[in-house]
Protein backbone atom coordinates (compact mmCIF):
# COMPACT_ATOMS: atom_id res chain seq x y z
CA MET A 1 6.36 -12.16 13.82
CA THR A 2 2.63 -11.87 12.95
CA ILE A 3 1.31 -10.75 9.62
CA LEU A 4 0.02 -7.62 11.19
CA GLN A 5 3.45 -6.85 12.58
CA LYS A 6 4.99 -7.58 9.16
CA LEU A 7 2.50 -5.21 7.55
CA GLN A 8 3.24 -2.51 9.98
CA GLN A 9 6.96 -2.91 9.31
CA PHE A 10 6.37 -2.87 5.58
CA TYR A 11 4.36 0.40 5.83
CA LYS A 12 7.14 2.05 7.95
CA GLU A 13 9.89 0.83 5.71
CA ASN A 14 8.10 2.22 2.69
CA ASN A 15 7.01 5.42 4.23
CA PHE A 16 3.35 4.60 4.26
CA LYS A 17 0.89 5.71 6.96
CA ASP A 18 0.28 3.23 9.78
CA ASP A 19 -2.97 2.13 8.13
CA GLY A 20 -1.40 1.52 4.76
CA CYS A 21 -3.02 4.71 3.39
CA VAL A 22 -6.58 3.19 3.62
CA SER A 23 -7.89 6.32 5.09
CA ASP A 24 -6.72 8.45 2.15
CA ASP A 25 -9.24 9.85 -0.35
CA PHE A 26 -6.82 9.41 -3.18
CA PHE A 27 -3.74 7.51 -4.06
CA GLU A 28 -1.01 8.15 -6.61
CA SER A 29 -0.01 5.82 -9.39
CA LYS A 30 3.33 6.72 -10.87
CA PHE A 31 4.34 6.15 -14.49
CA LYS A 32 7.59 7.13 -16.36
CA LEU A 33 6.46 10.61 -17.31
CA THR A 34 3.56 11.33 -15.14
CA THR A 35 1.80 10.65 -11.81
CA LEU A 36 -2.01 10.01 -11.65
CA LYS A 37 -4.09 10.98 -8.51
CA ILE A 38 -6.81 8.43 -8.37
CA PRO A 39 -9.79 8.12 -6.12
CA ASN A 40 -9.29 5.53 -3.35
CA SER A 41 -12.53 3.53 -3.80
CA GLN A 42 -14.06 1.53 -1.08
CA PHE A 43 -13.24 -1.68 -2.82
CA ARG A 44 -9.50 -0.77 -2.91
CA LYS A 45 -9.67 0.21 0.78
CA ASP A 46 -11.19 -3.22 1.51
CA VAL A 47 -8.57 -5.28 -0.41
CA ILE A 48 -5.13 -3.17 -0.43
CA HIS A 49 -3.93 -5.17 2.68
CA ILE A 50 -4.07 -8.35 0.46
CA HIS A 51 -1.93 -6.66 -2.22
CA ASN A 52 0.49 -5.46 0.47
CA ILE A 53 0.81 -8.88 2.03
CA GLN A 54 1.83 -10.18 -1.35
CA HIS A 55 4.66 -7.69 -1.47
CA ILE A 56 5.89 -9.16 1.91
CA LEU A 57 5.34 -12.76 0.80
CA TYR A 58 7.14 -12.44 -2.45
CA ASN A 59 9.73 -9.86 -1.25
CA CYS A 60 8.75 -7.32 -3.93
CA ASP A 61 9.47 -3.58 -3.62
CA THR A 62 6.97 -0.98 -4.18
CA THR A 63 8.15 0.52 -7.45
């Protein structure tokens, strides 16, 4: 399975959009008592796939 296929599988299993939410204007960061809605900067859009690949490589969940 290719990295792209693994990413697509990861997105599907974690209920993310097919593009990993890169096209979203905002993302949510959840904490114990609150959730913050944060602008999805261009830098984050450019590198989020690397972060997601780390989840796959290290078998980490998204919590």
